[in-house]
PDB file of N, CA and C in Angstrom:
ATOM      1  N   UNK A   1     214.320 -58.465  65.175  1.00  0.00           N
ATOM      2  CA  UNK A   1     214.637 -59.029  66.480  1.00  0.00           C
ATOM      3  C   UNK A   1     216.163 -59.079  66.650  1.00  0.00           C
ATOM      4  N   UNK A   2     216.639 -58.682  67.811  1.00  0.00           N
ATOM      5  CA  UNK A   2     218.065 -58.707  68.095  1.00  0.00           C
ATOM      6  C   UNK A   2     218.537 -60.140  68.328  1.00  0.00           C
ATOM      7  N   UNK A   3     219.777 -60.399  67.912  1.00  0.00           N
ATOM      8  CA  UNK A   3     220.383 -61.688  68.202  1.00  0.00           C
ATOM      9  C   UNK A   3     220.893 -61.679  69.632  1.00  0.00           C
ATOM     10  N   UNK A   4     220.804 -62.803  70.287  1.00  0.00           N
ATOM     11  CA  UNK A   4     221.326 -62.944  71.641  1.00  0.00           C
ATOM     12  C   UNK A   4     222.796 -63.331  71.540  1.00  0.00           C
ATOM     13  N   UNK A   5     223.629 -62.635  72.274  1.00  0.00           N
ATOM     14  CA  UNK A   5     225.062 -62.917  72.311  1.00  0.00           C
ATOM     15  C   UNK A   5     225.272 -64.375  72.742  1.00  0.00           C
ATOM     16  N   UNK A   6     226.240 -65.057  72.127  1.00  0.00           N
ATOM     17  CA  UNK A   6     226.488 -66.477  72.399  1.00  0.00           C
ATOM     18  C   UNK A   6     226.747 -66.746  73.880  1.00  0.00           C
ATOM     19  N   UNK A   7     227.473 -65.835  74.543  1.00  0.00           N
ATOM     20  CA  UNK A   7     227.767 -66.029  75.969  1.00  0.00           C
ATOM     21  C   UNK A   7     226.484 -65.975  76.796  1.00  0.00           C
ATOM     22  N   UNK A   8     225.645 -64.994  76.497  1.00  0.00           N
ATOM     23  CA  UNK A   8     224.371 -64.862  77.209  1.00  0.00           C
ATOM     24  C   UNK A   8     223.462 -66.040  76.895  1.00  0.00           C
ATOM     25  N   UNK A   9     223.458 -66.482  75.655  1.00  0.00           N
ATOM     26  CA  UNK A   9     222.612 -67.599  75.241  1.00  0.00           C
ATOM     27  C   UNK A   9     222.925 -68.853  76.057  1.00  0.00           C
ATOM     28  N   UNK A  10     224.208 -69.109  76.309  1.00  0.00           N
ATOM     29  CA  UNK A  10     224.605 -70.276  77.103  1.00  0.00           C
ATOM     30  C   UNK A  10     224.019 -70.207  78.513  1.00  0.00           C
ATOM     31  N   UNK A  11     224.017 -69.018  79.094  1.00  0.00           N
ATOM     32  CA  UNK A  11     223.489 -68.850  80.452  1.00  0.00           C
ATOM     33  C   UNK A  11     221.959 -68.952  80.451  1.00  0.00           C
ATOM     34  N   UNK A  12     221.331 -68.380  79.443  1.00  0.00           N
ATOM     35  CA  UNK A  12     219.867 -68.467  79.348  1.00  0.00           C
ATOM     36  C   UNK A  12     219.435 -69.924  79.193  1.00  0.00           C
ATOM     37  N   UNK A  13     220.204 -70.706  78.450  1.00  0.00           N
ATOM     38  CA  UNK A  13     219.870 -72.128  78.314  1.00  0.00           C
ATOM     39  C   UNK A  13     219.899 -72.842  79.657  1.00  0.00           C
ATOM     40  N   UNK A  14     220.780 -72.405  80.544  1.00  0.00           N
ATOM     41  CA  UNK A  14     220.875 -73.024  81.880  1.00  0.00           C
ATOM     42  C   UNK A  14     219.789 -72.507  82.818  1.00  0.00           C
ATOM     43  N   UNK A  15     219.425 -71.232  82.673  1.00  0.00           N
ATOM     44  CA  UNK A  15     218.429 -70.604  83.544  1.00  0.00           C
ATOM     45  C   UNK A  15     217.312 -69.973  82.706  1.00  0.00           C
ATOM     46  N   UNK A  16     216.543 -70.781  81.971  1.00  0.00           N
ATOM     47  CA  UNK A  16     215.549 -70.220  81.043  1.00  0.00           C
ATOM     48  C   UNK A  16     214.450 -69.405  81.721  1.00  0.00           C
ATOM     49  N   UNK A  17     214.132 -69.711  82.946  1.00  0.00           N
ATOM     50  CA  UNK A  17     213.083 -68.969  83.651  1.00  0.00           C
ATOM     51  C   UNK A  17     213.538 -67.569  84.075  1.00  0.00           C
ATOM     52  N   UNK A  18     214.823 -67.281  83.921  1.00  0.00           N
ATOM     53  CA  UNK A  18     215.379 -65.979  84.303  1.00  0.00           C
ATOM     54  C   UNK A  18     215.821 -65.164  83.084  1.00  0.00           C
ATOM     55  N   UNK A  19     215.321 -65.508  81.906  1.00  0.00           N
ATOM     56  CA  UNK A  19     215.800 -64.899  80.662  1.00  0.00           C
ATOM     57  C   UNK A  19     215.762 -63.373  80.690  1.00  0.00           C
ATOM     58  N   UNK A  20     214.644 -62.787  81.083  1.00  0.00           N
ATOM     59  CA  UNK A  20     214.543 -61.324  81.064  1.00  0.00           C
ATOM     60  C   UNK A  20     215.551 -60.676  82.018  1.00  0.00           C
ATOM     61  N   UNK A  21     215.661 -61.213  83.215  1.00  0.00           N
ATOM     62  CA  UNK A  21     216.617 -60.659  84.192  1.00  0.00           C
ATOM     63  C   UNK A  21     218.051 -60.827  83.697  1.00  0.00           C
ATOM     64  N   UNK A  22     218.352 -61.958  83.081  1.00  0.00           N
ATOM     65  CA  UNK A  22     219.704 -62.192  82.562  1.00  0.00           C
ATOM     66  C   UNK A  22     220.038 -61.215  81.443  1.00  0.00           C
ATOM     67  N   UNK A  23     219.086 -60.957  80.577  1.00  0.00           N
ATOM     68  CA  UNK A  23     219.311 -59.996  79.492  1.00  0.00           C
ATOM     69  C   UNK A  23     219.593 -58.603  80.050  1.00  0.00           C
ATOM     70  N   UNK A  24     218.811 -58.192  81.051  1.00  0.00           N
ATOM     71  CA  UNK A  24     219.033 -56.880  81.656  1.00  0.00           C
ATOM     72  C   UNK A  24     220.416 -56.796  82.290  1.00  0.00           C
ATOM     73  N   UNK A  25     220.793 -57.824  83.033  1.00  0.00           N
ATOM     74  CA  UNK A  25     222.109 -57.845  83.666  1.00  0.00           C
ATOM     75  C   UNK A  25     223.224 -57.792  82.629  1.00  0.00           C
ATOM     76  N   UNK A  26     223.066 -58.527  81.567  1.00  0.00           N
ATOM     77  CA  UNK A  26     224.087 -58.570  80.524  1.00  0.00           C
ATOM     78  C   UNK A  26     224.273 -57.198  79.884  1.00  0.00           C
ATOM     79  N   UNK A  27     223.187 -56.494  79.683  1.00  0.00           N
ATOM     80  CA  UNK A  27     223.269 -55.162  79.070  1.00  0.00           C
ATOM     81  C   UNK A  27     223.869 -54.122  80.014  1.00  0.00           C
ATOM     82  N   UNK A  28     223.680 -54.304  81.323  1.00  0.00           N
ATOM     83  CA  UNK A  28     224.108 -53.310  82.312  1.00  0.00           C
ATOM     84  C   UNK A  28     225.513 -53.522  82.851  1.00  0.00           C
ATOM     85  N   UNK A  29     225.974 -54.756  82.869  1.00  0.00           N
ATOM     86  CA  UNK A  29     227.185 -55.055  83.640  1.00  0.00           C
ATOM     87  C   UNK A  29     228.257 -55.752  82.805  1.00  0.00           C
ATOM     88  N   UNK A  30     229.401 -55.090  82.677  1.00  0.00           N
ATOM     89  CA  UNK A  30     230.516 -55.740  81.985  1.00  0.00           C
ATOM     90  C   UNK A  30     231.070 -56.902  82.813  1.00  0.00           C
ATOM     91  N   UNK A  31     230.977 -56.796  84.135  1.00  0.00           N
ATOM     92  CA  UNK A  31     231.404 -57.913  84.986  1.00  0.00           C
ATOM     93  C   UNK A  31     230.545 -59.144  84.723  1.00  0.00           C
ATOM     94  N   UNK A  32     229.246 -58.937  84.612  1.00  0.00           N
ATOM     95  CA  UNK A  32     228.342 -60.052  84.344  1.00  0.00           C
ATOM     96  C   UNK A  32     228.601 -60.622  82.945  1.00  0.00           C
ATOM     97  N   UNK A  33     228.908 -59.761  81.992  1.00  0.00           N
ATOM     98  CA  UNK A  33     229.254 -60.234  80.649  1.00  0.00           C
ATOM     99  C   UNK A  33     230.467 -61.159  80.713  1.00  0.00           C
ATOM    100  N   UNK A  34     231.431 -60.800  81.550  1.00  0.00           N
ATOM    101  CA  UNK A  34     232.623 -61.632  81.724  1.00  0.00           C
ATOM    102  C   UNK A  34     232.295 -62.989  82.315  1.00  0.00           C
ATOM    103  N   UNK A  35     231.387 -63.006  83.271  1.00  0.00           N
ATOM    104  CA  UNK A  35     230.964 -64.276  83.868  1.00  0.00           C
ATOM    105  C   UNK A  35     230.277 -65.139  82.815  1.00  0.00           C
ATOM    106  N   UNK A  36     229.439 -64.523  81.999  1.00  0.00           N
ATOM    107  CA  UNK A  36     228.747 -65.263  80.931  1.00  0.00           C
ATOM    108  C   UNK A  36     229.757 -65.827  79.927  1.00  0.00           C
ATOM    109  N   UNK A  37     230.764 -65.032  79.606  1.00  0.00           N
ATOM    110  CA  UNK A  37     231.799 -65.505  78.685  1.00  0.00           C
ATOM    111  C   UNK A  37     232.545 -66.699  79.288  1.00  0.00           C
ATOM    112  N   UNK A  38     232.924 -66.589  80.551  1.00  0.00           N
ATOM    113  CA  UNK A  38     233.612 -67.691  81.223  1.00  0.00           C
ATOM    114  C   UNK A  38     232.727 -68.938  81.267  1.00  0.00           C
ATOM    115  N   UNK A  39     231.446 -68.742  81.509  1.00  0.00           N
ATOM    116  CA  UNK A  39     230.502 -69.859  81.570  1.00  0.00           C
ATOM    117  C   UNK A  39     230.455 -70.592  80.224  1.00  0.00           C
ATOM    118  N   UNK A  40     230.334 -69.827  79.130  1.00  0.00           N
ATOM    119  CA  UNK A  40     230.271 -70.446  77.806  1.00  0.00           C
ATOM    120  C   UNK A  40     231.576 -71.172  77.489  1.00  0.00           C
ATOM    121  N   UNK A  41     232.700 -70.547  77.796  1.00  0.00           N
ATOM    122  CA  UNK A  41     233.997 -71.176  77.525  1.00  0.00           C
ATOM    123  C   UNK A  41     234.162 -72.459  78.335  1.00  0.00           C
ATOM    124  N   UNK A  42     233.697 -72.438  79.559  1.00  0.00           N
ATOM    125  CA  UNK A  42     233.777 -73.616  80.416  1.00  0.00           C
ATOM    126  C   UNK A  42     232.905 -74.743  79.850  1.00  0.00           C
ATOM    127  N   UNK A  43     231.705 -74.410  79.403  1.00  0.00           N
ATOM    128  CA  UNK A  43     230.843 -75.414  78.769  1.00  0.00           C
ATOM    129  C   UNK A  43     231.510 -75.996  77.532  1.00  0.00           C
ATOM    130  N   UNK A  44     232.096 -75.135  76.713  1.00  0.00           N
ATOM    131  CA  UNK A  44     232.789 -75.592  75.507  1.00  0.00           C
ATOM    132  C   UNK A  44     233.927 -76.545  75.857  1.00  0.00           C
ATOM    133  N   UNK A  45     234.686 -76.193  76.886  1.00  0.00           N
ATOM    134  CA  UNK A  45     235.797 -77.047  77.316  1.00  0.00           C
ATOM    135  C   UNK A  45     235.287 -78.404  77.792  1.00  0.00           C
ATOM    136  N   UNK A  46     234.191 -78.403  78.533  1.00  0.00           N
ATOM    137  CA  UNK A  46     233.621 -79.666  79.008  1.00  0.00           C
ATOM    138  C   UNK A  46     233.178 -80.553  77.840  1.00  0.00           C
ATOM    139  N   UNK A  47     232.566 -79.964  76.836  1.00  0.00           N
ATOM    140  CA  UNK A  47     232.160 -80.735  75.658  1.00  0.00           C
ATOM    141  C   UNK A  47     233.381 -81.319  74.949  1.00  0.00           C
ATOM    142  N   UNK A  48     234.411 -80.510  74.807  1.00  0.00           N
ATOM    143  CA  UNK A  48     235.636 -80.973  74.160  1.00  0.00           C
ATOM    144  C   UNK A  48     236.269 -82.123  74.956  1.00  0.00           C
ATOM    145  N   UNK A  49     236.343 -81.956  76.255  1.00  0.00           N
ATOM    146  CA  UNK A  49     236.955 -82.981  77.102  1.00  0.00           C
ATOM    147  C   UNK A  49     236.135 -84.260  77.120  1.00  0.00           C
ATOM    148  N   UNK A  50     234.833 -84.139  77.051  1.00  0.00           N
ATOM    149  CA  UNK A  50     233.969 -85.326  77.048  1.00  0.00           C
ATOM    150  C   UNK A  50     234.200 -86.181  75.805  1.00  0.00           C
ATOM    151  N   UNK A  51     234.625 -85.537  74.728  1.00  0.00           N
ATOM    152  CA  UNK A  51     234.879 -86.251  73.466  1.00  0.00           C
ATOM    153  C   UNK A  51     236.324 -86.732  73.342  1.00  0.00           C
ATOM    154  N   UNK A  52     237.150 -86.360  74.282  1.00  0.00           N
ATOM    155  CA  UNK A  52     238.579 -86.637  74.196  1.00  0.00           C
ATOM    156  C   UNK A  52     238.899 -88.068  74.626  1.00  0.00           C
ATOM    157  N   UNK A  53     239.889 -88.651  73.955  1.00  0.00           N
ATOM    158  CA  UNK A  53     240.390 -89.973  74.334  1.00  0.00           C
ATOM    159  C   UNK A  53     241.605 -89.864  75.254  1.00  0.00           C
ATOM    160  N   UNK A  54     242.031 -88.649  75.540  1.00  0.00           N
ATOM    161  CA  UNK A  54     243.201 -88.386  76.352  1.00  0.00           C
ATOM    162  C   UNK A  54     242.972 -88.886  77.779  1.00  0.00           C
ATOM    163  N   UNK A  55     243.968 -89.551  78.342  1.00  0.00           N
ATOM    164  CA  UNK A  55     243.864 -90.075  79.712  1.00  0.00           C
ATOM    165  C   UNK A  55     243.710 -88.972  80.748  1.00  0.00           C
ATOM    166  N   UNK A  56     244.275 -87.805  80.481  1.00  0.00           N
ATOM    167  CA  UNK A  56     244.196 -86.687  81.419  1.00  0.00           C
ATOM    168  C   UNK A  56     242.857 -85.953  81.341  1.00  0.00           C
ATOM    169  N   UNK A  57     242.045 -86.270  80.352  1.00  0.00           N
ATOM    170  CA  UNK A  57     240.783 -85.555  80.133  1.00  0.00           C
ATOM    171  C   UNK A  57     239.841 -85.706  81.319  1.00  0.00           C
ATOM    172  N   UNK A  58     239.849 -86.855  81.958  1.00  0.00           N
ATOM    173  CA  UNK A  58     238.940 -87.092  83.077  1.00  0.00           C
ATOM    174  C   UNK A  58     239.206 -86.136  84.240  1.00  0.00           C
ATOM    175  N   UNK A  59     240.465 -85.958  84.576  1.00  0.00           N
ATOM    176  CA  UNK A  59     240.821 -85.045  85.664  1.00  0.00           C
ATOM    177  C   UNK A  59     240.478 -83.610  85.287  1.00  0.00           C
ATOM    178  N   UNK A  60     240.793 -83.250  84.053  1.00  0.00           N
ATOM    179  CA  UNK A  60     240.474 -81.901  83.592  1.00  0.00           C
ATOM    180  C   UNK A  60     238.966 -81.681  83.569  1.00  0.00           C
ATOM    181  N   UNK A  61     238.233 -82.700  83.152  1.00  0.00           N
ATOM    182  CA  UNK A  61     236.773 -82.597  83.098  1.00  0.00           C
ATOM    183  C   UNK A  61     236.221 -82.284  84.487  1.00  0.00           C
ATOM    184  N   UNK A  62     236.730 -82.968  85.497  1.00  0.00           N
ATOM    185  CA  UNK A  62     236.267 -82.734  86.873  1.00  0.00           C
ATOM    186  C   UNK A  62     236.535 -81.293  87.309  1.00  0.00           C
ATOM    187  N   UNK A  63     237.708 -80.777  86.956  1.00  0.00           N
ATOM    188  CA  UNK A  63     238.049 -79.395  87.313  1.00  0.00           C
ATOM    189  C   UNK A  63     237.104 -78.405  86.630  1.00  0.00           C
ATOM    190  N   UNK A  64     236.849 -78.625  85.349  1.00  0.00           N
ATOM    191  CA  UNK A  64     235.946 -77.728  84.621  1.00  0.00           C
ATOM    192  C   UNK A  64     234.509 -77.862  85.116  1.00  0.00           C
ATOM    193  N   UNK A  65     234.111 -79.064  85.502  1.00  0.00           N
ATOM    194  CA  UNK A  65     232.764 -79.252  86.042  1.00  0.00           C
ATOM    195  C   UNK A  65     232.599 -78.474  87.350  1.00  0.00           C
ATOM    196  N   UNK A  66     233.645 -78.479  88.182  1.00  0.00           N
ATOM    197  CA  UNK A  66     233.602 -77.707  89.426  1.00  0.00           C
ATOM    198  C   UNK A  66     233.563 -76.212  89.130  1.00  0.00           C
ATOM    199  N   UNK A  67     234.348 -75.778  88.152  1.00  0.00           N
ATOM    200  CA  UNK A  67     234.351 -74.376  87.759  1.00  0.00           C
ATOM    201  C   UNK A  67     232.985 -73.949  87.234  1.00  0.00           C
ATOM    202  N   UNK A  68     232.342 -74.813  86.458  1.00  0.00           N
ATOM    203  CA  UNK A  68     231.017 -74.496  85.934  1.00  0.00           C
ATOM    204  C   UNK A  68     230.024 -74.296  87.078  1.00  0.00           C
ATOM    205  N   UNK A  69     230.086 -75.137  88.087  1.00  0.00           N
ATOM    206  CA  UNK A  69     229.205 -74.989  89.256  1.00  0.00           C
ATOM    207  C   UNK A  69     229.473 -73.674  89.984  1.00  0.00           C
ATOM    208  N   UNK A  70     230.734 -73.303  90.110  1.00  0.00           N
ATOM    209  CA  UNK A  70     231.084 -72.038  90.758  1.00  0.00           C
ATOM    210  C   UNK A  70     230.535 -70.851  89.966  1.00  0.00           C
ATOM    211  N   UNK A  71     230.644 -70.929  88.644  1.00  0.00           N
ATOM    212  CA  UNK A  71     230.111 -69.860  87.802  1.00  0.00           C
ATOM    213  C   UNK A  71     228.587 -69.791  87.907  1.00  0.00           C
ATOM    214  N   UNK A  72     227.941 -70.942  87.988  1.00  0.00           N
ATOM    215  CA  UNK A  72     226.484 -70.956  88.175  1.00  0.00           C
ATOM    216  C   UNK A  72     226.113 -70.286  89.494  1.00  0.00           C
ATOM    217  N   UNK A  73     226.895 -70.526  90.521  1.00  0.00           N
ATOM    218  CA  UNK A  73     226.642 -69.876  91.818  1.00  0.00           C
ATOM    219  C   UNK A  73     226.803 -68.363  91.705  1.00  0.00           C
ATOM    220  N   UNK A  74     227.823 -67.911  90.972  1.00  0.00           N
ATOM    221  CA  UNK A  74     228.015 -66.468  90.770  1.00  0.00           C
ATOM    222  C   UNK A  74     226.835 -65.863  90.012  1.00  0.00           C
ATOM    223  N   UNK A  75     226.362 -66.565  89.016  1.00  0.00           N
ATOM    224  CA  UNK A  75     225.218 -66.084  88.236  1.00  0.00           C
ATOM    225  C   UNK A  75     223.994 -65.962  89.133  1.00  0.00           C
ATOM    226  N   UNK A  76     223.764 -66.957  89.960  1.00  0.00           N
ATOM    227  CA  UNK A  76     222.630 -66.925  90.892  1.00  0.00           C
ATOM    228  C   UNK A  76     222.766 -65.747  91.855  1.00  0.00           C
ATOM    229  N   UNK A  77     223.990 -65.494  92.345  1.00  0.00           N
ATOM    230  CA  UNK A  77     224.225 -64.345  93.227  1.00  0.00           C
ATOM    231  C   UNK A  77     223.873 -63.043  92.519  1.00  0.00           C
ATOM    232  N   UNK A  78     224.325 -62.898  91.288  1.00  0.00           N
ATOM    233  CA  UNK A  78     223.999 -61.696  90.508  1.00  0.00           C
ATOM    234  C   UNK A  78     222.496 -61.547  90.378  1.00  0.00           C
ATOM    235  N   UNK A  79     221.805 -62.632  90.100  1.00  0.00           N
ATOM    236  CA  UNK A  79     220.350 -62.572  89.960  1.00  0.00           C
ATOM    237  C   UNK A  79     219.698 -62.156  91.276  1.00  0.00           C
ATOM    238  N   UNK A  80     220.153 -62.736  92.371  1.00  0.00           N
ATOM    239  CA  UNK A  80     219.570 -62.411  93.676  1.00  0.00           C
ATOM    240  C   UNK A  80     219.826 -60.970  94.092  1.00  0.00           C
ATOM    241  N   UNK A  81     220.989 -60.449  93.734  1.00  0.00           N
ATOM    242  CA  UNK A  81     221.333 -59.077  94.115  1.00  0.00           C
ATOM    243  C   UNK A  81     220.717 -58.026  93.210  1.00  0.00           C
ATOM    244  N   UNK A  82     220.344 -58.401  91.988  1.00  0.00           N
ATOM    245  CA  UNK A  82     219.940 -57.420  91.009  1.00  0.00           C
ATOM    246  C   UNK A  82     218.526 -57.596  90.460  1.00  0.00           C
ATOM    247  N   UNK A  83     217.735 -58.423  91.084  1.00  0.00           N
ATOM    248  CA  UNK A  83     216.340 -58.563  90.624  1.00  0.00           C
ATOM    249  C   UNK A  83     215.378 -58.261  91.735  1.00  0.00           C
TER     250      UNK A  83
END
């Protein structure tokens, strides 16, 4: 069995009902791979910021949370256009 790329795995965890379509998109599109990478990095940043005691972490967390929503919208667009 093939291992799922970490970037794709993060997106599949968010959209488990779309796993097959996400895998196909990931294999076909380098642009989509980039979106998946950005999504995983954004999730990682949010986890890091959530654990931070830094006073600025709250503002940064809000920015990353908004970015994550934007990336989710892009992923949904890709799914709608390519399935």
